[in-house]
Amino acid sequence: MAILTAAAIEGYKNDTNLKIARARYRIGGTYYNATIHRRERLNDGRVAVYFPITPAVSGNVTVSEVQLFDTNNDLWATKTENLVIHSVQEGYLYRFTFDFKEKEVNK
């Protein structure tokens, strides 16, 4: 039996959308800030947050980590990656997605 109502789940989704303030990514030992490009609610109800990864460096580079920060500047989400960018003209539009569901635990 679910404890949370649909309104509560929707509240978590809305709060997540409002709470995420900025992103950054790591190349080598250096972190680069990225601006949130877009936020949307996907057809299946998930919350999606997009940001560009467009390093201003020449040659091939590898993005090894992506992060999101909240409005308090606290680390909110982090993910290890292995994204190869081949030149300064290339980049990624990175997407984090969040899905909120209540999981029943049978005892």
PDB file of N, CA and C in Angstrom:
ATOM      1  N   MET A   1       0.839  -1.183   0.000  1.00  0.00           N
ATOM      2  CA  MET A   1       0.000   0.000   0.000  1.00  0.00           C
ATOM      3  C   MET A   1       0.882   1.244   0.000  1.00  0.00           C
ATOM      4  N   ALA A   2       0.610   2.155  -0.893  1.00  0.00           N
ATOM      5  CA  ALA A   2       1.386   3.388  -1.004  1.00  0.00           C
ATOM      6  C   ALA A   2       1.059   4.325   0.156  1.00  0.00           C
ATOM      7  N   ILE A   3       2.062   5.014   0.629  1.00  0.00           N
ATOM      8  CA  ILE A   3       1.891   5.988   1.706  1.00  0.00           C
ATOM      9  C   ILE A   3       1.769   7.396   1.120  1.00  0.00           C
ATOM     10  N   LEU A   4       2.606   7.703   0.134  1.00  0.00           N
ATOM     11  CA  LEU A   4       2.604   9.035  -0.462  1.00  0.00           C
ATOM     12  C   LEU A   4       1.484   9.168  -1.489  1.00  0.00           C
ATOM     13  N   THR A   5       0.881  10.326  -1.515  1.00  0.00           N
ATOM     14  CA  THR A   5      -0.154  10.598  -2.507  1.00  0.00           C
ATOM     15  C   THR A   5       0.492  11.075  -3.805  1.00  0.00           C
ATOM     16  N   ALA A   6      -0.303  11.103  -4.862  1.00  0.00           N
ATOM     17  CA  ALA A   6       0.177  11.624  -6.144  1.00  0.00           C
ATOM     18  C   ALA A   6       0.629  13.079  -5.989  1.00  0.00           C
ATOM     19  N   ALA A   7      -0.058  13.839  -5.151  1.00  0.00           N
ATOM     20  CA  ALA A   7       0.314  15.244  -4.910  1.00  0.00           C
ATOM     21  C   ALA A   7       1.686  15.335  -4.246  1.00  0.00           C
ATOM     22  N   ALA A   8       1.992  14.410  -3.349  1.00  0.00           N
ATOM     23  CA  ALA A   8       3.303  14.416  -2.689  1.00  0.00           C
ATOM     24  C   ALA A   8       4.417  14.116  -3.686  1.00  0.00           C
ATOM     25  N   ILE A   9       4.213  13.125  -4.540  1.00  0.00           N
ATOM     26  CA  ILE A   9       5.205  12.791  -5.567  1.00  0.00           C
ATOM     27  C   ILE A   9       5.405  13.984  -6.492  1.00  0.00           C
ATOM     28  N   GLU A  10       4.308  14.619  -6.890  1.00  0.00           N
ATOM     29  CA  GLU A  10       4.391  15.808  -7.749  1.00  0.00           C
ATOM     30  C   GLU A  10       5.164  16.916  -7.043  1.00  0.00           C
ATOM     31  N   GLY A  11       4.978  17.059  -5.750  1.00  0.00           N
ATOM     32  CA  GLY A  11       5.725  18.056  -4.971  1.00  0.00           C
ATOM     33  C   GLY A  11       7.221  17.799  -5.005  1.00  0.00           C
ATOM     34  N   TYR A  12       7.626  16.546  -4.895  1.00  0.00           N
ATOM     35  CA  TYR A  12       9.046  16.209  -4.987  1.00  0.00           C
ATOM     36  C   TYR A  12       9.603  16.558  -6.368  1.00  0.00           C
ATOM     37  N   LYS A  13       8.832  16.296  -7.402  1.00  0.00           N
ATOM     38  CA  LYS A  13       9.278  16.626  -8.758  1.00  0.00           C
ATOM     39  C   LYS A  13       9.433  18.127  -8.934  1.00  0.00           C
ATOM     40  N   ASN A  14       8.453  18.886  -8.475  1.00  0.00           N
ATOM     41  CA  ASN A  14       8.522  20.344  -8.594  1.00  0.00           C
ATOM     42  C   ASN A  14       9.677  20.915  -7.787  1.00  0.00           C
ATOM     43  N   ASP A  15       9.871  20.405  -6.579  1.00  0.00           N
ATOM     44  CA  ASP A  15      10.959  20.885  -5.731  1.00  0.00           C
ATOM     45  C   ASP A  15      12.314  20.600  -6.359  1.00  0.00           C
ATOM     46  N   THR A  16      12.464  19.424  -6.947  1.00  0.00           N
ATOM     47  CA  THR A  16      13.718  19.075  -7.620  1.00  0.00           C
ATOM     48  C   THR A  16      13.986  20.037  -8.768  1.00  0.00           C
ATOM     49  N   ASN A  17      12.988  20.309  -9.546  1.00  0.00           N
ATOM     50  CA  ASN A  17      13.136  21.226 -10.673  1.00  0.00           C
ATOM     51  C   ASN A  17      13.572  22.610 -10.218  1.00  0.00           C
ATOM     52  N   LEU A  18      13.040  23.093  -9.109  1.00  0.00           N
ATOM     53  CA  LEU A  18      13.380  24.421  -8.597  1.00  0.00           C
ATOM     54  C   LEU A  18      14.712  24.442  -7.848  1.00  0.00           C
ATOM     55  N   LYS A  19      15.089  23.334  -7.254  1.00  0.00           N
ATOM     56  CA  LYS A  19      16.272  23.270  -6.391  1.00  0.00           C
ATOM     57  C   LYS A  19      17.588  23.217  -7.164  1.00  0.00           C
ATOM     58  N   ILE A  20      17.598  22.612  -8.344  1.00  0.00           N
ATOM     59  CA  ILE A  20      18.838  22.483  -9.118  1.00  0.00           C
ATOM     60  C   ILE A  20      19.186  23.836  -9.721  1.00  0.00           C
ATOM     61  N   ALA A  21      20.403  24.311  -9.428  1.00  0.00           N
ATOM     62  CA  ALA A  21      20.784  25.669  -9.831  1.00  0.00           C
ATOM     63  C   ALA A  21      21.863  25.714 -10.907  1.00  0.00           C
ATOM     64  N   ARG A  22      22.815  24.784 -10.857  1.00  0.00           N
ATOM     65  CA  ARG A  22      23.922  24.836 -11.820  1.00  0.00           C
ATOM     66  C   ARG A  22      24.541  23.458 -11.982  1.00  0.00           C
ATOM     67  N   ALA A  23      25.406  23.361 -12.989  1.00  0.00           N
ATOM     68  CA  ALA A  23      26.087  22.098 -13.279  1.00  0.00           C
ATOM     69  C   ALA A  23      27.576  22.361 -13.439  1.00  0.00           C
ATOM     70  N   ARG A  24      28.332  21.294 -13.401  1.00  0.00           N
ATOM     71  CA  ARG A  24      29.744  21.368 -13.764  1.00  0.00           C
ATOM     72  C   ARG A  24      30.198  19.994 -14.221  1.00  0.00           C
ATOM     73  N   TYR A  25      31.332  19.978 -14.930  1.00  0.00           N
ATOM     74  CA  TYR A  25      31.902  18.733 -15.431  1.00  0.00           C
ATOM     75  C   TYR A  25      33.411  18.772 -15.243  1.00  0.00           C
ATOM     76  N   ARG A  26      34.017  17.580 -15.221  1.00  0.00           N
ATOM     77  CA  ARG A  26      35.456  17.471 -14.969  1.00  0.00           C
ATOM     78  C   ARG A  26      36.166  16.921 -16.192  1.00  0.00           C
ATOM     79  N   ILE A  27      37.241  17.592 -16.551  1.00  0.00           N
ATOM     80  CA  ILE A  27      38.172  17.126 -17.581  1.00  0.00           C
ATOM     81  C   ILE A  27      39.543  17.112 -16.919  1.00  0.00           C
ATOM     82  N   GLY A  28      40.151  15.930 -16.863  1.00  0.00           N
ATOM     83  CA  GLY A  28      41.410  15.813 -16.122  1.00  0.00           C
ATOM     84  C   GLY A  28      41.136  16.121 -14.657  1.00  0.00           C
ATOM     85  N   GLY A  29      41.924  17.030 -14.092  1.00  0.00           N
ATOM     86  CA  GLY A  29      41.715  17.423 -12.698  1.00  0.00           C
ATOM     87  C   GLY A  29      40.995  18.747 -12.550  1.00  0.00           C
ATOM     88  N   THR A  30      40.430  19.276 -13.639  1.00  0.00           N
ATOM     89  CA  THR A  30      39.813  20.600 -13.614  1.00  0.00           C
ATOM     90  C   THR A  30      38.302  20.493 -13.814  1.00  0.00           C
ATOM     91  N   TYR A  31      37.576  21.235 -12.995  1.00  0.00           N
ATOM     92  CA  TYR A  31      36.124  21.325 -13.128  1.00  0.00           C
ATOM     93  C   TYR A  31      35.760  22.585 -13.897  1.00  0.00           C
ATOM     94  N   TYR A  32      34.741  22.467 -14.752  1.00  0.00           N
ATOM     95  CA  TYR A  32      34.243  23.587 -15.553  1.00  0.00           C
ATOM     96  C   TYR A  32      32.763  23.778 -15.240  1.00  0.00           C
ATOM     97  N   ASN A  33      32.368  25.008 -14.980  1.00  0.00           N
ATOM     98  CA  ASN A  33      30.967  25.312 -14.695  1.00  0.00           C
ATOM     99  C   ASN A  33      30.152  25.301 -15.969  1.00  0.00           C
ATOM    100  N   ALA A  34      28.908  24.918 -15.837  1.00  0.00           N
ATOM    101  CA  ALA A  34      27.969  24.917 -16.962  1.00  0.00           C
ATOM    102  C   ALA A  34      26.634  25.456 -16.470  1.00  0.00           C
ATOM    103  N   THR A  35      25.968  26.174 -17.323  1.00  0.00           N
ATOM    104  CA  THR A  35      24.667  26.743 -17.014  1.00  0.00           C
ATOM    105  C   THR A  35      23.577  25.747 -17.387  1.00  0.00           C
ATOM    106  N   ILE A  36      22.560  25.673 -16.573  1.00  0.00           N
ATOM    107  CA  ILE A  36      21.418  24.824 -16.914  1.00  0.00           C
ATOM    108  C   ILE A  36      20.790  25.401 -18.180  1.00  0.00           C
ATOM    109  N   HIS A  37      20.709  24.584 -19.193  1.00  0.00           N
ATOM    110  CA  HIS A  37      20.209  25.008 -20.508  1.00  0.00           C
ATOM    111  C   HIS A  37      18.685  24.906 -20.596  1.00  0.00           C
ATOM    112  N   ARG A  38      18.153  23.831 -20.035  1.00  0.00           N
ATOM    113  CA  ARG A  38      16.721  23.591 -20.155  1.00  0.00           C
ATOM    114  C   ARG A  38      16.277  22.627 -19.063  1.00  0.00           C
ATOM    115  N   ARG A  39      15.028  22.772 -18.680  1.00  0.00           N
ATOM    116  CA  ARG A  39      14.376  21.858 -17.734  1.00  0.00           C
ATOM    117  C   ARG A  39      13.060  21.454 -18.366  1.00  0.00           C
ATOM    118  N   GLU A  40      12.685  20.211 -18.197  1.00  0.00           N
ATOM    119  CA  GLU A  40      11.392  19.804 -18.738  1.00  0.00           C
ATOM    120  C   GLU A  40      10.855  18.598 -18.003  1.00  0.00           C
ATOM    121  N   ARG A  41       9.591  18.389 -18.161  1.00  0.00           N
ATOM    122  CA  ARG A  41       8.939  17.196 -17.655  1.00  0.00           C
ATOM    123  C   ARG A  41       8.730  16.288 -18.847  1.00  0.00           C
ATOM    124  N   LEU A  42       9.309  15.113 -18.815  1.00  0.00           N
ATOM    125  CA  LEU A  42       9.173  14.157 -19.906  1.00  0.00           C
ATOM    126  C   LEU A  42       7.773  13.537 -19.905  1.00  0.00           C
ATOM    127  N   ASN A  43       7.389  12.955 -21.028  1.00  0.00           N
ATOM    128  CA  ASN A  43       6.049  12.361 -21.160  1.00  0.00           C
ATOM    129  C   ASN A  43       5.756  11.309 -20.100  1.00  0.00           C
ATOM    130  N   ASP A  44       6.794  10.626 -19.626  1.00  0.00           N
ATOM    131  CA  ASP A  44       6.585   9.586 -18.613  1.00  0.00           C
ATOM    132  C   ASP A  44       6.610  10.139 -17.187  1.00  0.00           C
ATOM    133  N   GLY A  45       6.700  11.475 -17.046  1.00  0.00           N
ATOM    134  CA  GLY A  45       6.655  12.107 -15.730  1.00  0.00           C
ATOM    135  C   GLY A  45       7.998  12.408 -15.110  1.00  0.00           C
ATOM    136  N   ARG A  46       9.079  11.897 -15.688  1.00  0.00           N
ATOM    137  CA  ARG A  46      10.402  12.172 -15.125  1.00  0.00           C
ATOM    138  C   ARG A  46      10.759  13.648 -15.290  1.00  0.00           C
ATOM    139  N   VAL A  47      11.611  14.133 -14.396  1.00  0.00           N
ATOM    140  CA  VAL A  47      12.143  15.484 -14.468  1.00  0.00           C
ATOM    141  C   VAL A  47      13.479  15.412 -15.195  1.00  0.00           C
ATOM    142  N   ALA A  48      13.674  16.269 -16.188  1.00  0.00           N
ATOM    143  CA  ALA A  48      14.927  16.284 -16.952  1.00  0.00           C
ATOM    144  C   ALA A  48      15.574  17.663 -16.844  1.00  0.00           C
ATOM    145  N   VAL A  49      16.896  17.647 -16.661  1.00  0.00           N
ATOM    146  CA  VAL A  49      17.692  18.868 -16.585  1.00  0.00           C
ATOM    147  C   VAL A  49      18.837  18.723 -17.581  1.00  0.00           C
ATOM    148  N   TYR A  50      18.998  19.721 -18.452  1.00  0.00           N
ATOM    149  CA  TYR A  50      19.998  19.685 -19.512  1.00  0.00           C
ATOM    150  C   TYR A  50      21.035  20.779 -19.302  1.00  0.00           C
ATOM    151  N   PHE A  51      22.289  20.464 -19.645  1.00  0.00           N
ATOM    152  CA  PHE A  51      23.331  21.495 -19.661  1.00  0.00           C
ATOM    153  C   PHE A  51      24.354  21.153 -20.735  1.00  0.00           C
ATOM    154  N   PRO A  52      24.975  22.196 -21.316  1.00  0.00           N
ATOM    155  CA  PRO A  52      25.957  21.952 -22.375  1.00  0.00           C
ATOM    156  C   PRO A  52      27.332  21.632 -21.796  1.00  0.00           C
ATOM    157  N   ILE A  53      28.013  20.726 -22.458  1.00  0.00           N
ATOM    158  CA  ILE A  53      29.418  20.446 -22.166  1.00  0.00           C
ATOM    159  C   ILE A  53      30.185  20.847 -23.416  1.00  0.00           C
ATOM    160  N   THR A  54      30.788  22.007 -23.370  1.00  0.00           N
ATOM    161  CA  THR A  54      31.506  22.556 -24.523  1.00  0.00           C
ATOM    162  C   THR A  54      32.823  23.159 -24.049  1.00  0.00           C
ATOM    163  N   PRO A  55      33.802  22.325 -23.770  1.00  0.00           N
ATOM    164  CA  PRO A  55      35.070  22.837 -23.252  1.00  0.00           C
ATOM    165  C   PRO A  55      35.820  23.662 -24.300  1.00  0.00           C
ATOM    166  N   ALA A  56      36.426  24.734 -23.839  1.00  0.00           N
ATOM    167  CA  ALA A  56      37.197  25.605 -24.728  1.00  0.00           C
ATOM    168  C   ALA A  56      38.667  25.185 -24.703  1.00  0.00           C
ATOM    169  N   VAL A  57      38.892  23.925 -25.040  1.00  0.00           N
ATOM    170  CA  VAL A  57      40.255  23.394 -25.099  1.00  0.00           C
ATOM    171  C   VAL A  57      40.437  22.714 -26.446  1.00  0.00           C
ATOM    172  N   SER A  58      41.649  22.711 -26.941  1.00  0.00           N
ATOM    173  CA  SER A  58      41.898  22.081 -28.236  1.00  0.00           C
ATOM    174  C   SER A  58      42.308  20.623 -28.040  1.00  0.00           C
ATOM    175  N   GLY A  59      42.113  19.858 -29.078  1.00  0.00           N
ATOM    176  CA  GLY A  59      42.487  18.443 -29.026  1.00  0.00           C
ATOM    177  C   GLY A  59      41.395  17.600 -28.394  1.00  0.00           C
ATOM    178  N   ASN A  60      41.691  16.329 -28.248  1.00  0.00           N
ATOM    179  CA  ASN A  60      40.740  15.392 -27.657  1.00  0.00           C
ATOM    180  C   ASN A  60      40.768  15.493 -26.143  1.00  0.00           C
ATOM    181  N   VAL A  61      39.599  15.503 -25.534  1.00  0.00           N
ATOM    182  CA  VAL A  61      39.488  15.516 -24.077  1.00  0.00           C
ATOM    183  C   VAL A  61      38.425  14.507 -23.674  1.00  0.00           C
ATOM    184  N   THR A  62      38.485  14.079 -22.413  1.00  0.00           N
ATOM    185  CA  THR A  62      37.502  13.151 -21.877  1.00  0.00           C
ATOM    186  C   THR A  62      36.853  13.757 -20.648  1.00  0.00           C
ATOM    187  N   VAL A  63      35.540  13.831 -20.665  1.00  0.00           N
ATOM    188  CA  VAL A  63      34.778  14.273 -19.497  1.00  0.00           C
ATOM    189  C   VAL A  63      34.600  13.055 -18.606  1.00  0.00           C
ATOM    190  N   SER A  64      35.095  13.140 -17.374  1.00  0.00           N
ATOM    191  CA  SER A  64      35.085  11.983 -16.492  1.00  0.00           C
ATOM    192  C   SER A  64      34.027  12.052 -15.401  1.00  0.00           C
ATOM    193  N   GLU A  65      33.419  13.220 -15.203  1.00  0.00           N
ATOM    194  CA  GLU A  65      32.409  13.354 -14.155  1.00  0.00           C
ATOM    195  C   GLU A  65      31.498  14.524 -14.492  1.00  0.00           C
ATOM    196  N   VAL A  66      30.220  14.387 -14.147  1.00  0.00           N
ATOM    197  CA  VAL A  66      29.253  15.475 -14.269  1.00  0.00           C
ATOM    198  C   VAL A  66      28.559  15.635 -12.923  1.00  0.00           C
ATOM    199  N   GLN A  67      28.197  16.881 -12.594  1.00  0.00           N
ATOM    200  CA  GLN A  67      27.616  17.159 -11.289  1.00  0.00           C
ATOM    201  C   GLN A  67      26.513  18.208 -11.404  1.00  0.00           C
ATOM    202  N   LEU A  68      25.580  18.151 -10.469  1.00  0.00           N
ATOM    203  CA  LEU A  68      24.566  19.181 -10.309  1.00  0.00           C
ATOM    204  C   LEU A  68      24.652  19.742  -8.900  1.00  0.00           C
ATOM    205  N   PHE A  69      24.417  21.045  -8.778  1.00  0.00           N
ATOM    206  CA  PHE A  69      24.435  21.722  -7.491  1.00  0.00           C
ATOM    207  C   PHE A  69      23.092  22.385  -7.245  1.00  0.00           C
ATOM    208  N   ASP A  70      22.718  22.468  -5.978  1.00  0.00           N
ATOM    209  CA  ASP A  70      21.434  23.071  -5.641  1.00  0.00           C
ATOM    210  C   ASP A  70      21.591  24.569  -5.371  1.00  0.00           C
ATOM    211  N   THR A  71      20.494  25.208  -4.995  1.00  0.00           N
ATOM    212  CA  THR A  71      20.490  26.650  -4.771  1.00  0.00           C
ATOM    213  C   THR A  71      21.337  27.061  -3.571  1.00  0.00           C
ATOM    214  N   ASN A  72      21.707  26.133  -2.692  1.00  0.00           N
ATOM    215  CA  ASN A  72      22.616  26.408  -1.573  1.00  0.00           C
ATOM    216  C   ASN A  72      24.066  26.150  -1.952  1.00  0.00           C
ATOM    217  N   ASN A  73      24.307  25.817  -3.220  1.00  0.00           N
ATOM    218  CA  ASN A  73      25.628  25.474  -3.741  1.00  0.00           C
ATOM    219  C   ASN A  73      26.160  24.164  -3.154  1.00  0.00           C
ATOM    220  N   ASP A  74      25.257  23.304  -2.727  1.00  0.00           N
ATOM    221  CA  ASP A  74      25.634  21.978  -2.239  1.00  0.00           C
ATOM    222  C   ASP A  74      25.575  20.996  -3.403  1.00  0.00           C
ATOM    223  N   LEU A  75      26.513  20.044  -3.412  1.00  0.00           N
ATOM    224  CA  LEU A  75      26.502  18.998  -4.438  1.00  0.00           C
ATOM    225  C   LEU A  75      25.228  18.191  -4.283  1.00  0.00           C
ATOM    226  N   TRP A  76      24.469  18.086  -5.372  1.00  0.00           N
ATOM    227  CA  TRP A  76      23.155  17.474  -5.322  1.00  0.00           C
ATOM    228  C   TRP A  76      23.123  16.132  -6.051  1.00  0.00           C
ATOM    229  N   ALA A  77      23.911  16.030  -7.121  1.00  0.00           N
ATOM    230  CA  ALA A  77      23.982  14.777  -7.880  1.00  0.00           C
ATOM    231  C   ALA A  77      25.337  14.714  -8.565  1.00  0.00           C
ATOM    232  N   THR A  78      25.885  13.516  -8.679  1.00  0.00           N
ATOM    233  CA  THR A  78      27.160  13.329  -9.356  1.00  0.00           C
ATOM    234  C   THR A  78      27.145  11.993 -10.093  1.00  0.00           C
ATOM    235  N   LYS A  79      27.827  11.959 -11.223  1.00  0.00           N
ATOM    236  CA  LYS A  79      27.861  10.730 -12.018  1.00  0.00           C
ATOM    237  C   LYS A  79      29.215  10.628 -12.713  1.00  0.00           C
ATOM    238  N   THR A  80      29.825   9.457 -12.645  1.00  0.00           N
ATOM    239  CA  THR A  80      31.056   9.183 -13.377  1.00  0.00           C
ATOM    240  C   THR A  80      30.708   8.959 -14.837  1.00  0.00           C
ATOM    241  N   GLU A  81      31.506   9.530 -15.726  1.00  0.00           N
ATOM    242  CA  GLU A  81      31.276   9.406 -17.165  1.00  0.00           C
ATOM    243  C   GLU A  81      32.582   9.094 -17.875  1.00  0.00           C
ATOM    244  N   ASN A  82      32.493   8.845 -19.168  1.00  0.00           N
ATOM    245  CA  ASN A  82      33.646   8.652 -20.033  1.00  0.00           C
ATOM    246  C   ASN A  82      33.267   9.195 -21.417  1.00  0.00           C
ATOM    247  N   LEU A  83      33.042  10.513 -21.475  1.00  0.00           N
ATOM    248  CA  LEU A  83      32.595  11.170 -22.700  1.00  0.00           C
ATOM    249  C   LEU A  83      33.787  11.785 -23.417  1.00  0.00           C
ATOM    250  N   VAL A  84      34.090  11.294 -24.603  1.00  0.00           N
ATOM    251  CA  VAL A  84      35.222  11.801 -25.377  1.00  0.00           C
ATOM    252  C   VAL A  84      34.732  12.911 -26.296  1.00  0.00           C
ATOM    253  N   ILE A  85      35.423  14.044 -26.242  1.00  0.00           N
ATOM    254  CA  ILE A  85      35.139  15.171 -27.133  1.00  0.00           C
ATOM    255  C   ILE A  85      36.373  15.342 -28.007  1.00  0.00           C
ATOM    256  N   HIS A  86      36.181  15.343 -29.319  1.00  0.00           N
ATOM    257  CA  HIS A  86      37.302  15.271 -30.253  1.00  0.00           C
ATOM    258  C   HIS A  86      37.894  16.606 -30.679  1.00  0.00           C
ATOM    259  N   SER A  87      37.186  17.703 -30.506  1.00  0.00           N
ATOM    260  CA  SER A  87      37.774  18.999 -30.856  1.00  0.00           C
ATOM    261  C   SER A  87      36.977  20.101 -30.198  1.00  0.00           C
ATOM    262  N   VAL A  88      37.490  21.306 -30.319  1.00  0.00           N
ATOM    263  CA  VAL A  88      36.847  22.447 -29.677  1.00  0.00           C
ATOM    264  C   VAL A  88      35.465  22.732 -30.271  1.00  0.00           C
ATOM    265  N   GLN A  89      35.182  22.259 -31.479  1.00  0.00           N
ATOM    266  CA  GLN A  89      33.876  22.489 -32.089  1.00  0.00           C
ATOM    267  C   GLN A  89      32.821  21.486 -31.622  1.00  0.00           C
ATOM    268  N   GLU A  90      33.214  20.423 -30.962  1.00  0.00           N
ATOM    269  CA  GLU A  90      32.274  19.411 -30.525  1.00  0.00           C
ATOM    270  C   GLU A  90      31.900  19.599 -29.063  1.00  0.00           C
ATOM    271  N   GLY A  91      30.799  18.991 -28.686  1.00  0.00           N
ATOM    272  CA  GLY A  91      30.371  19.030 -27.304  1.00  0.00           C
ATOM    273  C   GLY A  91      29.169  18.126 -27.121  1.00  0.00           C
ATOM    274  N   TYR A  92      28.597  18.175 -25.936  1.00  0.00           N
ATOM    275  CA  TYR A  92      27.429  17.375 -25.594  1.00  0.00           C
ATOM    276  C   TYR A  92      26.384  18.277 -24.964  1.00  0.00           C
ATOM    277  N   LEU A  93      25.135  17.939 -25.183  1.00  0.00           N
ATOM    278  CA  LEU A  93      24.054  18.481 -24.382  1.00  0.00           C
ATOM    279  C   LEU A  93      23.694  17.345 -23.429  1.00  0.00           C
ATOM    280  N   TYR A  94      24.127  17.466 -22.189  1.00  0.00           N
ATOM    281  CA  TYR A  94      24.005  16.391 -21.217  1.00  0.00           C
ATOM    282  C   TYR A  94      22.652  16.476 -20.525  1.00  0.00           C
ATOM    283  N   ARG A  95      22.062  15.318 -20.240  1.00  0.00           N
ATOM    284  CA  ARG A  95      20.762  15.278 -19.581  1.00  0.00           C
ATOM    285  C   ARG A  95      20.809  14.391 -18.348  1.00  0.00           C
ATOM    286  N   PHE A  96      20.436  14.967 -17.215  1.00  0.00           N
ATOM    287  CA  PHE A  96      20.148  14.205 -16.007  1.00  0.00           C
ATOM    288  C   PHE A  96      18.640  13.996 -15.984  1.00  0.00           C
ATOM    289  N   THR A  97      18.179  12.806 -15.631  1.00  0.00           N
ATOM    290  CA  THR A  97      16.750  12.576 -15.444  1.00  0.00           C
ATOM    291  C   THR A  97      16.512  12.008 -14.049  1.00  0.00           C
ATOM    292  N   PHE A  98      15.388  12.405 -13.480  1.00  0.00           N
ATOM    293  CA  PHE A  98      15.015  11.967 -12.139  1.00  0.00           C
ATOM    294  C   PHE A  98      13.594  11.430 -12.186  1.00  0.00           C
ATOM    295  N   ASP A  99      13.411  10.276 -11.570  1.00  0.00           N
ATOM    296  CA  ASP A  99      12.099   9.651 -11.504  1.00  0.00           C
ATOM    297  C   ASP A  99      11.777   9.403 -10.038  1.00  0.00           C
ATOM    298  N   PHE A 100      10.614   9.802  -9.625  1.00  0.00           N
ATOM    299  CA  PHE A 100      10.209   9.657  -8.233  1.00  0.00           C
ATOM    300  C   PHE A 100       9.069   8.666  -8.151  1.00  0.00           C
ATOM    301  N   LYS A 101       9.318   7.588  -7.433  1.00  0.00           N
ATOM    302  CA  LYS A 101       8.310   6.555  -7.231  1.00  0.00           C
ATOM    303  C   LYS A 101       8.457   6.039  -5.801  1.00  0.00           C
ATOM    304  N   GLU A 102       7.358   5.692  -5.244  1.00  0.00           N
ATOM    305  CA  GLU A 102       7.386   5.091  -3.924  1.00  0.00           C
ATOM    306  C   GLU A 102       7.553   3.588  -4.097  1.00  0.00           C
ATOM    307  N   LYS A 103       8.442   3.025  -3.324  1.00  0.00           N
ATOM    308  CA  LYS A 103       8.676   1.589  -3.390  1.00  0.00           C
ATOM    309  C   LYS A 103       8.133   0.949  -2.121  1.00  0.00           C
ATOM    310  N   GLU A 104       7.297  -0.013  -2.326  1.00  0.00           N
ATOM    311  CA  GLU A 104       6.762  -0.737  -1.171  1.00  0.00           C
ATOM    312  C   GLU A 104       7.788  -1.728  -0.663  1.00  0.00           C
ATOM    313  N   VAL A 105       7.886  -1.822   0.618  1.00  0.00           N
ATOM    314  CA  VAL A 105       8.784  -2.785   1.230  1.00  0.00           C
ATOM    315  C   VAL A 105       7.918  -3.784   1.996  1.00  0.00           C
ATOM    316  N   ASN A 106       8.032  -5.028   1.616  1.00  0.00           N
ATOM    317  CA  ASN A 106       7.282  -6.080   2.301  1.00  0.00           C
ATOM    318  C   ASN A 106       8.115  -6.612   3.440  1.00  0.00           C
ATOM    319  N   LYS A 107       7.522  -6.681   4.584  1.00  0.00           N
ATOM    320  CA  LYS A 107       8.251  -7.175   5.756  1.00  0.00           C
ATOM    321  C   LYS A 107       7.779  -8.544   6.120  1.00  0.00           C
TER     322      LYS A 107
END
